[in-house]
Amino acid sequence: MPMVKNSSGSFEGVEASPKTDKYLGIKFANSSRFSEPEDVITYGETVQAKSFGPQSPQVPGFMEEILNTKVLPTDENCQYLNIWTPKPSAQLKPVLFWIHGGAYTNGTGATSWYDGKNLSEIGDVVVVTINYRLGPFGFIGHENYGTLDQISALRWVNRNINAFGGDPNNVTIFGESAGGSSVVALTATSMTKGLVTKAWAMSPSLRQLRSKTDADISTQQFLDTAKCTSIEDLKILPNQQIIDATAKMFENVENYIATFSPTCGSSGLPDDIYAMSAKSSIPLVVGTNRDENRLWSALNPNNVPNDEETAKNYYKEALGESSDQAWSLYTKMRPNQSPIEMVAAMQTDQNFRAPAWDLCETRVKMGVSTWMYWFTWPTPIFNGIFGCCHALDLPFMFHNLDAPNVELFTGDAPNRTTIANTFSSELLSFAKDTSVSWPEFDLDNRSTLQIDLDTKVINNPEPELRELWSAKI
């Protein structure tokens, strides 16, 4: 069995392959309900790092259903991390630190699609995945306990990762969806100074970074649903009642994305995430998928319009007086799409692409290295109704096309490997020495790497759509 010893303690892992060892379920912090994490500094006994630790209590989402991670143990005290590392060598390796998505309400670092073995072997890097508190356990009121968990895990990496072969001075944080917006938030806080070297945000759900006003509204809605009068009442509520209230709240709340998520201006996060991300000078790659919102429209067809008149009302609500112009523009840019797909196209840009443009523009105006990519390969499953939807890029990034149930989402065509090779190699190159194959984003060329079977650099993609949304932000 592989063994690591340092000033913190001893860690016994398992062999992932002849080239790679893994250490699973290492406790990096402890906490009680609604309190900041307390870093675990030393371990009295040898840590048996051979199986994943429990995940945060949660209402399962799409990923949890198809990958059956909902059966994994749960615990409010869920701060565990996992490490995949090349067999010992004299040279310290770049570190890739993964933050899972799931709308800040579900997910786990133990998902098979996030297994770090392939990335570790292909790139000769150390891969770390983490669990953090979710839903009301992680984001109640103005408090960002889940974000503080992420920072605590980064502190653990800074103290300990060299014993596992990783370079604490070369840590690239990367994440998708809520994990992607977490990455952006972590570049903006002074609490990560010296802990983060570079950052890569996949489909960041930036609109989830909420205001204190939105947090207050959400908190009151949750208290009403849980039949409590204060957060103090929630402290003594049985765990399952909190989960049940969360599930019930999701059924009725209109603004789902702001129910439980990081609050700007609180718990170490600044009011202006974009500006402070730029001031940090941390190099950042940001990317989105072409058809993000078709994941939800395909999974929940009864919740979206199936006639043109109703679809146009969605445009009017989002774009006001520009709605007719927008409908014509999307009809031109996304031809032959159903009313459901037309709404998904608009909401993809509203929720993901326009905020990403705004973030990148803010950063480059302040002279900070920033790159953009656009993942556009459509999955062929179910006659293509998912398009290039949210989360489709995950198994490509981790080069885990053979992981359980991936083919249910991507199909099984051999040419998928071409995309995985391209996508993961860009991340690995960035992690090693901040280099990628395409130019930095700027306001003149807006160079963007379009990732598909035929990957290429495009300048100023779809400027009409960008200009439409720039007037609304």
Protein backbone atom coordinates (compact mmCIF):
# COMPACT_ATOMS: atom_id res chain seq x y z
CA MET A 1 0.00 0.00 0.00
CA PRO A 2 1.34 3.49 -0.82
CA MET A 3 2.15 5.56 2.25
CA VAL A 4 2.84 9.26 2.75
CA LYS A 5 4.26 10.80 5.91
CA ASN A 6 4.75 14.45 6.78
CA SER A 7 4.45 16.78 9.77
CA SER A 8 0.65 16.47 9.67
CA GLY A 9 0.61 12.69 9.98
CA SER A 10 0.66 9.45 8.01
CA PHE A 11 -1.66 8.62 5.10
CA GLU A 12 -2.14 5.15 3.68
CA GLY A 13 -3.70 5.07 0.22
CA VAL A 14 -4.27 2.54 -2.55
CA GLU A 15 -2.79 1.96 -5.98
CA ALA A 16 -5.02 3.37 -8.72
CA SER A 17 -2.83 1.93 -11.50
CA PRO A 18 0.79 0.91 -12.00
CA LYS A 19 1.55 4.61 -12.59
CA THR A 20 -0.75 6.33 -10.10
CA ASP A 21 -1.63 6.20 -6.42
CA LYS A 22 -4.78 7.59 -4.87
CA TYR A 23 -5.61 8.80 -1.39
CA LEU A 24 -9.34 9.09 -0.77
CA GLY A 25 -11.44 10.57 1.99
CA ILE A 26 -8.90 12.73 3.83
CA LYS A 27 -10.59 15.01 6.35
CA PHE A 28 -9.36 18.55 5.82
CA ALA A 29 -11.68 20.41 8.21
CA ASN A 30 -14.36 20.00 10.85
CA SER A 31 -17.43 22.08 11.58
CA SER A 32 -20.68 22.17 13.45
CA ARG A 33 -23.90 23.34 11.81
CA PHE A 34 -23.75 26.94 10.54
CA SER A 35 -20.19 27.55 11.64
CA GLU A 36 -16.92 28.24 9.88
CA PRO A 37 -14.70 25.24 9.15
CA GLU A 38 -11.81 24.50 11.48
CA ASP A 39 -8.74 23.28 9.61
CA VAL A 40 -7.43 19.83 10.47
CA ILE A 41 -3.72 20.44 11.07
CA THR A 42 -2.52 17.11 12.46
CA TYR A 43 -3.76 13.52 12.58
CA GLY A 44 -3.18 11.39 15.67
CA GLU A 45 -3.45 8.06 13.85
CA THR A 46 -2.57 6.86 10.37
CA VAL A 47 -5.27 8.08 7.99
CA GLN A 48 -6.77 5.17 6.06
CA ALA A 49 -7.26 7.09 2.83
CA LYS A 50 -8.81 4.23 0.88
CA SER A 51 -12.45 5.23 0.33
CA PHE A 52 -14.40 8.40 -0.32
CA GLY A 53 -15.72 10.40 2.61
CA PRO A 54 -19.41 11.25 3.00
CA GLN A 55 -20.95 13.98 0.86
CA SER A 56 -23.00 16.92 2.03
CA PRO A 57 -26.68 16.18 2.70
CA GLN A 58 -28.58 17.21 -0.44
CA VAL A 59 -31.55 16.89 -2.73
CA PRO A 60 -30.17 14.79 -5.63
CA GLY A 61 -29.95 16.38 -9.07
CA PHE A 62 -29.45 15.10 -12.62
CA MET A 63 -25.87 13.87 -12.14
CA GLU A 64 -26.70 12.20 -8.85
CA GLU A 65 -29.55 10.31 -10.48
CA ILE A 66 -27.70 8.98 -13.54
CA LEU A 67 -24.51 8.15 -11.63
CA ASN A 68 -26.33 6.93 -8.52
CA THR A 69 -24.15 8.96 -6.14
CA LYS A 70 -27.32 9.66 -4.15
CA VAL A 71 -26.69 6.32 -2.40
CA LEU A 72 -23.37 7.54 -0.97
CA PRO A 73 -23.26 8.33 2.76
CA THR A 74 -24.01 11.91 3.81
CA ASP A 75 -22.81 13.97 6.75
CA GLU A 76 -23.01 17.68 7.51
CA ASN A 77 -19.37 17.42 8.54
CA CYS A 78 -18.46 16.49 4.96
CA GLN A 79 -15.13 18.25 4.41
CA TYR A 80 -13.12 15.49 2.71
CA LEU A 81 -10.68 15.60 -0.20
CA ASN A 82 -9.22 13.02 -2.59
CA ILE A 83 -5.83 12.91 -4.31
CA TRP A 84 -4.55 11.13 -7.44
CA THR A 85 -0.80 11.41 -7.81
CA PRO A 86 1.91 9.91 -10.03
CA LYS A 87 4.19 7.38 -8.40
CA PRO A 88 6.84 9.18 -6.30
CA SER A 89 9.52 11.11 -8.14
CA ALA A 90 12.00 13.81 -7.20
CA GLN A 91 10.22 16.61 -9.08
CA LEU A 92 7.08 18.23 -7.65
CA LYS A 93 4.10 18.21 -10.04
CA PRO A 94 1.52 20.86 -10.94
CA VAL A 95 -1.67 20.55 -8.89
CA LEU A 96 -5.18 20.55 -10.36
CA PHE A 97 -7.78 21.34 -7.68
CA TRP A 98 -11.34 20.43 -8.75
CA ILE A 99 -14.54 22.01 -7.39
CA HIS A 100 -17.68 20.12 -8.41
CA GLY A 101 -20.86 21.74 -9.65
CA GLY A 102 -24.49 21.12 -8.81
CA ALA A 103 -26.06 24.58 -8.29
CA TYR A 104 -24.49 24.73 -4.81
CA THR A 105 -27.19 22.29 -3.74
CA ASN A 106 -25.96 18.87 -4.86
CA GLY A 107 -22.89 16.98 -6.06
CA THR A 108 -19.76 15.31 -4.70
CA GLY A 109 -16.08 15.06 -5.50
CA ALA A 110 -16.54 11.28 -5.52
CA THR A 111 -18.43 11.24 -8.85
CA SER A 112 -16.86 8.71 -11.22
CA TRP A 113 -16.68 11.28 -14.00
CA TYR A 114 -14.29 13.29 -11.78
CA ASP A 115 -11.90 10.40 -11.17
CA GLY A 116 -8.47 11.99 -11.46
CA LYS A 117 -6.43 8.98 -12.56
CA ASN A 118 -6.45 9.66 -16.30
CA LEU A 119 -5.62 13.35 -15.97
CA SER A 120 -2.85 12.52 -13.52
CA GLU A 121 -1.32 9.93 -15.84
CA ILE A 122 -1.71 11.85 -19.10
CA GLY A 123 -0.39 15.12 -17.72
CA ASP A 124 1.96 13.98 -14.94
CA VAL A 125 0.04 16.15 -12.48
CA VAL A 126 -1.55 15.79 -9.04
CA VAL A 127 -5.36 15.96 -9.05
CA VAL A 128 -7.41 16.91 -5.98
CA THR A 129 -11.21 16.78 -5.67
CA ILE A 130 -13.20 17.99 -2.67
CA ASN A 131 -16.53 17.92 -0.91
CA TYR A 132 -17.97 21.09 0.59
CA ARG A 133 -21.21 21.95 2.37
CA LEU A 134 -24.22 22.48 0.10
CA GLY A 135 -27.71 23.96 0.22
CA PRO A 136 -28.72 25.55 3.52
CA PHE A 137 -25.85 23.77 5.29
CA GLY A 138 -23.36 25.70 3.15
CA PHE A 139 -25.18 28.89 2.18
CA ILE A 140 -27.73 30.09 4.72
CA GLY A 141 -28.40 33.79 5.25
CA HIS A 142 -25.38 35.84 4.22
CA GLU A 143 -22.92 33.14 5.22
CA ASN A 144 -20.77 31.31 2.69
CA TYR A 145 -19.76 28.26 4.70
CA GLY A 146 -19.41 26.17 1.55
CA THR A 147 -16.98 28.70 0.07
CA LEU A 148 -15.03 28.75 3.32
CA ASP A 149 -14.82 24.95 3.10
CA GLN A 150 -13.26 25.30 -0.36
CA ILE A 151 -10.71 27.76 1.00
CA SER A 152 -9.96 25.47 3.94
CA ALA A 153 -9.23 22.66 1.45
CA LEU A 154 -6.87 24.99 -0.42
CA ARG A 155 -5.05 25.71 2.83
CA TRP A 156 -4.71 21.96 3.42
CA VAL A 157 -3.23 21.55 -0.06
CA ASN A 158 -0.81 24.40 0.59
CA ARG A 159 0.40 22.74 3.82
CA ASN A 160 0.48 19.13 2.67
CA ILE A 161 0.46 18.54 -1.08
CA ASN A 162 4.24 18.51 -1.46
CA ALA A 163 4.32 15.26 0.52
CA PHE A 164 2.03 13.79 -2.16
CA GLY A 165 4.26 14.98 -4.98
CA GLY A 166 2.43 18.24 -5.72
CA ASP A 167 3.86 21.74 -5.99
CA PRO A 168 2.06 24.07 -3.54
CA ASN A 169 3.32 27.02 -5.60
CA ASN A 170 1.60 25.79 -8.76
CA VAL A 171 -2.07 25.16 -7.95
CA THR A 172 -4.70 25.54 -10.69
CA ILE A 173 -8.28 25.60 -9.45
CA PHE A 174 -10.89 24.40 -11.94
CA GLY A 175 -14.59 23.70 -11.72
CA GLU A 176 -17.84 23.52 -13.68
CA SER A 177 -21.19 25.28 -13.23
CA ALA A 178 -21.43 26.15 -9.51
CA GLY A 179 -17.85 24.91 -9.33
CA GLY A 180 -16.98 27.32 -12.15
CA SER A 181 -18.50 30.31 -10.38
CA SER A 182 -16.75 29.14 -7.21
CA VAL A 183 -13.48 29.30 -9.13
CA VAL A 184 -14.20 32.89 -10.17
CA ALA A 185 -15.19 33.84 -6.61
CA LEU A 186 -12.01 32.29 -5.23
CA THR A 187 -9.91 34.42 -7.59
CA ALA A 188 -11.62 37.49 -6.12
CA THR A 189 -11.09 36.96 -2.40
CA SER A 190 -8.00 37.92 -0.43
CA MET A 191 -8.44 34.69 1.56
CA THR A 192 -6.86 32.69 -1.28
CA LYS A 193 -3.75 34.87 -1.60
CA GLY A 194 -0.78 32.55 -1.99
CA LEU A 195 -3.04 29.50 -2.35
CA VAL A 196 -4.14 29.80 -6.01
CA THR A 197 -1.81 30.24 -8.98
CA LYS A 198 -4.20 29.89 -11.95
CA ALA A 199 -7.89 29.27 -12.58
CA TRP A 200 -10.12 27.61 -15.18
CA ALA A 201 -13.91 28.08 -15.06
CA MET A 202 -16.16 25.76 -17.09
CA SER A 203 -19.72 27.01 -17.70
CA PRO A 204 -19.57 29.20 -14.58
CA SER A 205 -23.03 29.94 -13.17
CA LEU A 206 -22.04 33.52 -12.42
CA ARG A 207 -25.60 34.69 -11.86
CA GLN A 208 -25.63 32.49 -8.77
CA LEU A 209 -23.21 34.88 -7.04
CA ARG A 210 -26.03 36.69 -5.29
CA SER A 211 -26.58 39.96 -3.45
CA LYS A 212 -27.38 40.25 0.24
CA THR A 213 -30.93 41.26 -0.74
CA ASP A 214 -31.41 38.06 -2.74
CA ALA A 215 -29.93 36.09 0.16
CA ASP A 216 -32.42 37.67 2.56
CA ILE A 217 -35.35 36.82 0.29
CA SER A 218 -34.20 33.23 -0.11
CA THR A 219 -33.57 32.80 3.60
CA GLN A 220 -37.04 34.00 4.51
CA GLN A 221 -38.59 31.68 1.94
CA PHE A 222 -36.67 28.77 3.39
CA LEU A 223 -37.61 29.65 6.97
CA ASP A 224 -41.26 29.79 5.93
CA THR A 225 -40.99 26.44 4.17
CA ALA A 226 -39.22 24.85 7.14
CA LYS A 227 -41.78 26.42 9.52
CA CYS A 228 -39.04 28.17 11.48
CA THR A 229 -38.82 31.76 12.66
CA SER A 230 -35.04 32.18 12.64
CA ILE A 231 -31.75 30.59 11.63
CA GLU A 232 -31.32 29.72 15.30
CA ASP A 233 -34.38 27.48 14.97
CA LEU A 234 -32.76 25.75 12.00
CA LYS A 235 -29.72 24.91 14.11
CA ILE A 236 -31.70 22.36 16.10
CA LEU A 237 -33.88 21.06 13.27
CA PRO A 238 -33.26 17.39 12.43
CA ASN A 239 -31.12 16.90 9.36
CA GLN A 240 -33.82 15.19 7.31
CA GLN A 241 -36.31 17.98 7.97
CA ILE A 242 -33.87 20.47 6.48
CA ILE A 243 -33.49 18.30 3.38
CA ASP A 244 -37.26 17.86 3.10
CA ALA A 245 -37.78 21.61 3.38
CA THR A 246 -35.12 22.19 0.72
CA ALA A 247 -36.87 19.82 -1.69
CA LYS A 248 -40.22 21.49 -1.02
CA MET A 249 -38.75 24.94 -1.53
CA PHE A 250 -37.35 23.91 -4.92
CA GLU A 251 -40.87 22.98 -6.03
CA ASN A 252 -42.25 26.46 -5.42
CA VAL A 253 -39.47 29.02 -5.66
CA GLU A 254 -39.20 31.04 -8.88
CA ASN A 255 -35.54 32.03 -8.66
CA TYR A 256 -34.06 28.57 -8.14
CA ILE A 257 -30.48 29.60 -8.86
CA ALA A 258 -30.36 32.05 -5.95
CA THR A 259 -31.89 29.80 -3.31
CA PHE A 260 -28.56 28.75 -1.80
CA SER A 261 -25.36 30.20 -3.25
CA PRO A 262 -22.47 32.49 -2.32
CA THR A 263 -23.40 35.97 -1.11
CA CYS A 264 -21.26 38.81 -2.38
CA GLY A 265 -19.90 41.16 0.28
CA SER A 266 -19.99 38.50 2.99
CA SER A 267 -17.83 35.69 4.43
CA GLY A 268 -14.68 36.83 2.69
CA LEU A 269 -16.21 37.58 -0.72
CA PRO A 270 -16.13 41.14 -2.11
CA ASP A 271 -19.17 42.99 -3.40
CA ASP A 272 -17.75 43.20 -6.93
CA ILE A 273 -16.48 39.73 -7.82
CA TYR A 274 -15.49 40.61 -11.39
CA ALA A 275 -13.39 43.65 -10.48
CA MET A 276 -11.64 41.92 -7.61
CA SER A 277 -10.96 38.87 -9.77
CA ALA A 278 -9.12 41.21 -12.11
CA LYS A 279 -7.22 42.88 -9.27
CA SER A 280 -5.98 39.48 -8.10
CA SER A 281 -3.97 39.15 -11.36
CA ILE A 282 -4.67 35.38 -11.35
CA PRO A 283 -4.68 34.10 -14.97
CA LEU A 284 -8.12 32.76 -15.85
CA VAL A 285 -9.64 30.64 -18.62
CA VAL A 286 -13.43 30.90 -19.01
CA GLY A 287 -15.60 28.77 -21.29
CA THR A 288 -19.23 27.97 -21.98
CA ASN A 289 -21.15 25.34 -23.96
CA ARG A 290 -23.22 26.35 -26.97
CA ASP A 291 -26.54 24.90 -25.74
CA GLU A 292 -26.20 24.95 -21.94
CA ASN A 293 -29.89 25.25 -21.11
CA ARG A 294 -30.99 22.43 -23.38
CA LEU A 295 -30.02 20.08 -20.55
CA TRP A 296 -32.97 21.33 -18.50
CA SER A 297 -35.40 21.83 -21.38
CA ALA A 298 -34.76 18.26 -22.56
CA LEU A 299 -35.13 16.80 -19.06
CA ASN A 300 -38.18 18.90 -18.14
CA PRO A 301 -40.12 19.49 -21.36
CA ASN A 302 -43.35 20.19 -19.45
CA ASN A 303 -41.79 23.23 -17.78
CA VAL A 304 -40.90 25.04 -21.02
CA PRO A 305 -43.01 26.37 -23.91
CA ASN A 306 -43.92 24.22 -26.88
CA ASP A 307 -45.60 26.97 -28.90
CA GLU A 308 -44.12 30.10 -30.43
CA GLU A 309 -46.39 32.59 -28.67
CA THR A 310 -45.45 31.35 -25.20
CA ALA A 311 -41.80 31.15 -26.20
CA LYS A 312 -41.87 34.78 -27.27
CA ASN A 313 -43.20 35.71 -23.82
CA TYR A 314 -40.00 34.30 -22.33
CA TYR A 315 -38.04 36.57 -24.63
CA LYS A 316 -40.16 39.55 -23.62
CA GLU A 317 -39.60 38.85 -19.93
CA ALA A 318 -35.83 38.59 -20.39
CA LEU A 319 -35.25 41.27 -23.02
CA GLY A 320 -38.15 43.69 -22.79
CA GLU A 321 -38.38 46.08 -25.72
CA SER A 322 -35.60 44.19 -27.51
CA SER A 323 -37.53 40.92 -27.51
CA ASP A 324 -38.79 41.07 -31.12
CA GLN A 325 -35.32 41.94 -32.38
CA ALA A 326 -33.90 39.12 -30.23
CA TRP A 327 -36.38 36.57 -31.57
CA SER A 328 -35.46 37.44 -35.15
CA LEU A 329 -31.78 37.30 -34.32
CA TYR A 330 -31.96 33.90 -32.61
CA THR A 331 -34.09 32.57 -35.48
CA LYS A 332 -31.22 33.54 -37.78
CA MET A 333 -28.38 32.34 -35.52
CA ARG A 334 -30.08 29.10 -34.37
CA PRO A 335 -32.15 28.08 -37.43
CA ASN A 336 -34.72 25.31 -37.51
CA GLN A 337 -35.16 25.15 -33.75
CA SER A 338 -38.39 24.37 -31.90
CA PRO A 339 -39.94 26.91 -29.51
CA ILE A 340 -38.44 24.94 -26.61
CA GLU A 341 -34.99 25.11 -28.19
CA MET A 342 -35.39 28.81 -28.99
CA VAL A 343 -36.00 29.56 -25.32
CA ALA A 344 -33.07 27.37 -24.31
CA ALA A 345 -30.81 29.24 -26.74
CA MET A 346 -31.79 32.59 -25.27
CA GLN A 347 -31.49 31.40 -21.68
CA THR A 348 -28.08 29.84 -22.41
CA ASP A 349 -26.76 33.27 -23.30
CA GLN A 350 -28.65 34.97 -20.48
CA ASN A 351 -27.38 32.62 -17.78
CA PHE A 352 -23.92 31.66 -19.00
CA ARG A 353 -22.50 33.33 -22.08
CA ALA A 354 -23.36 36.98 -21.41
CA PRO A 355 -22.06 36.91 -17.80
CA ALA A 356 -18.88 35.19 -19.05
CA TRP A 357 -18.37 37.92 -21.66
CA ASP A 358 -18.91 40.57 -18.98
CA LEU A 359 -16.41 38.94 -16.62
CA CYS A 360 -13.75 38.61 -19.31
CA GLU A 361 -14.25 42.16 -20.55
CA THR A 362 -13.88 43.48 -17.00
CA ARG A 363 -10.66 41.56 -16.54
CA VAL A 364 -9.00 42.52 -19.84
CA LYS A 365 -9.84 46.20 -19.32
CA MET A 366 -7.67 45.92 -16.21
CA GLY A 367 -4.89 44.16 -18.09
CA VAL A 368 -5.25 40.68 -16.58
CA SER A 369 -4.49 37.53 -18.59
CA THR A 370 -7.79 35.97 -19.63
CA TRP A 371 -8.77 33.39 -22.26
CA MET A 372 -12.14 32.30 -23.61
CA TYR A 373 -13.29 29.06 -25.22
CA TRP A 374 -16.60 27.82 -26.62
CA PHE A 375 -17.44 24.10 -26.48
CA THR A 376 -19.79 23.34 -29.39
CA TRP A 377 -19.81 19.57 -30.05
CA PRO A 378 -23.44 18.29 -29.91
CA THR A 379 -24.20 14.90 -28.44
CA PRO A 380 -26.10 12.61 -30.83
CA ILE A 381 -28.16 10.89 -28.14
CA PHE A 382 -31.98 11.08 -28.32
CA ASN A 383 -31.81 12.47 -31.86
CA GLY A 384 -29.76 15.44 -30.74
CA ILE A 385 -32.28 17.12 -28.42
CA PHE A 386 -29.57 17.87 -25.82
CA GLY A 387 -27.32 19.64 -28.34
CA CYS A 388 -24.11 20.81 -26.71
CA CYS A 389 -25.71 21.06 -23.31
CA HIS A 390 -24.56 21.87 -19.81
CA ALA A 391 -22.17 19.30 -18.27
CA LEU A 392 -21.57 17.54 -21.60
CA ASP A 393 -17.92 18.61 -21.51
CA LEU A 394 -17.12 17.03 -18.13
CA PRO A 395 -16.00 13.54 -19.24
CA PHE A 396 -13.98 15.15 -22.04
CA MET A 397 -12.11 17.43 -19.64
CA PHE A 398 -11.23 14.55 -17.30
CA HIS A 399 -10.59 12.24 -20.26
CA ASN A 400 -13.02 9.80 -18.66
CA LEU A 401 -15.02 8.75 -21.71
CA ASP A 402 -15.02 5.17 -20.41
CA ALA A 403 -16.44 6.10 -17.00
CA PRO A 404 -19.81 4.58 -16.02
CA ASN A 405 -22.79 5.87 -18.02
CA VAL A 406 -20.81 8.44 -20.01
CA GLU A 407 -22.00 6.84 -23.26
CA LEU A 408 -25.61 7.49 -22.17
CA PHE A 409 -24.79 11.20 -22.36
CA THR A 410 -22.23 11.40 -25.17
CA GLY A 411 -22.88 8.34 -27.30
CA ASP A 412 -20.00 5.97 -28.01
CA ALA A 413 -18.50 7.26 -31.26
CA PRO A 414 -14.69 6.78 -31.35
CA ASN A 415 -14.14 10.35 -32.58
CA ARG A 416 -15.04 11.61 -29.09
CA THR A 417 -11.44 10.87 -28.13
CA THR A 418 -10.23 13.63 -30.45
CA ILE A 419 -12.13 16.20 -28.40
CA ALA A 420 -11.00 14.74 -25.07
CA ASN A 421 -7.38 14.86 -26.22
CA THR A 422 -7.70 18.51 -27.22
CA PHE A 423 -9.66 19.70 -24.20
CA SER A 424 -7.65 17.96 -21.50
CA SER A 425 -4.31 18.83 -23.11
CA GLU A 426 -5.18 22.54 -23.04
CA LEU A 427 -5.95 22.32 -19.32
CA LEU A 428 -2.78 20.36 -18.60
CA SER A 429 -0.61 22.79 -20.54
CA PHE A 430 -2.20 25.71 -18.67
CA ALA A 431 -1.59 23.96 -15.34
CA LYS A 432 2.07 23.37 -16.12
CA ASP A 433 3.17 26.79 -17.31
CA THR A 434 0.11 29.00 -18.03
CA SER A 435 0.33 28.30 -21.76
CA VAL A 436 -2.55 27.43 -24.10
CA SER A 437 -2.69 27.14 -27.88
CA TRP A 438 -4.81 30.20 -28.59
CA PRO A 439 -4.39 33.97 -28.02
CA GLU A 440 -5.52 35.83 -24.93
CA PHE A 441 -8.95 37.42 -25.05
CA ASP A 442 -8.97 41.15 -25.86
CA LEU A 443 -11.59 43.70 -26.86
CA ASP A 444 -10.40 43.92 -30.46
CA ASN A 445 -10.17 40.33 -31.67
CA ARG A 446 -12.04 38.54 -28.87
CA SER A 447 -10.11 35.39 -29.78
CA THR A 448 -12.03 32.28 -28.68
CA LEU A 449 -11.08 28.62 -29.01
CA GLN A 450 -14.03 26.73 -30.50
CA ILE A 451 -13.73 23.15 -29.22
CA ASP A 452 -15.31 20.57 -31.51
CA LEU A 453 -14.22 17.75 -33.81
CA ASP A 454 -12.59 20.52 -35.82
CA THR A 455 -11.16 22.73 -33.07
CA LYS A 456 -10.16 26.20 -34.24
CA VAL A 457 -9.65 29.77 -33.11
CA ILE A 458 -12.46 32.15 -34.03
CA ASN A 459 -12.48 35.91 -33.56
CA ASN A 460 -15.46 37.79 -32.16
CA PRO A 461 -17.96 34.90 -32.35
CA GLU A 462 -21.59 35.90 -32.94
CA PRO A 463 -21.14 39.64 -32.30
CA GLU A 464 -24.85 40.35 -32.85
CA LEU A 465 -25.78 38.20 -29.85
CA ARG A 466 -23.03 39.68 -27.72
CA GLU A 467 -24.16 43.22 -28.53
CA LEU A 468 -27.76 42.32 -27.77
CA TRP A 469 -26.84 41.12 -24.28
CA SER A 470 -24.26 43.81 -23.55
CA ALA A 471 -27.09 46.31 -23.58
CA LYS A 472 -28.96 44.27 -20.93
CA ILE A 473 -26.14 43.69 -18.39
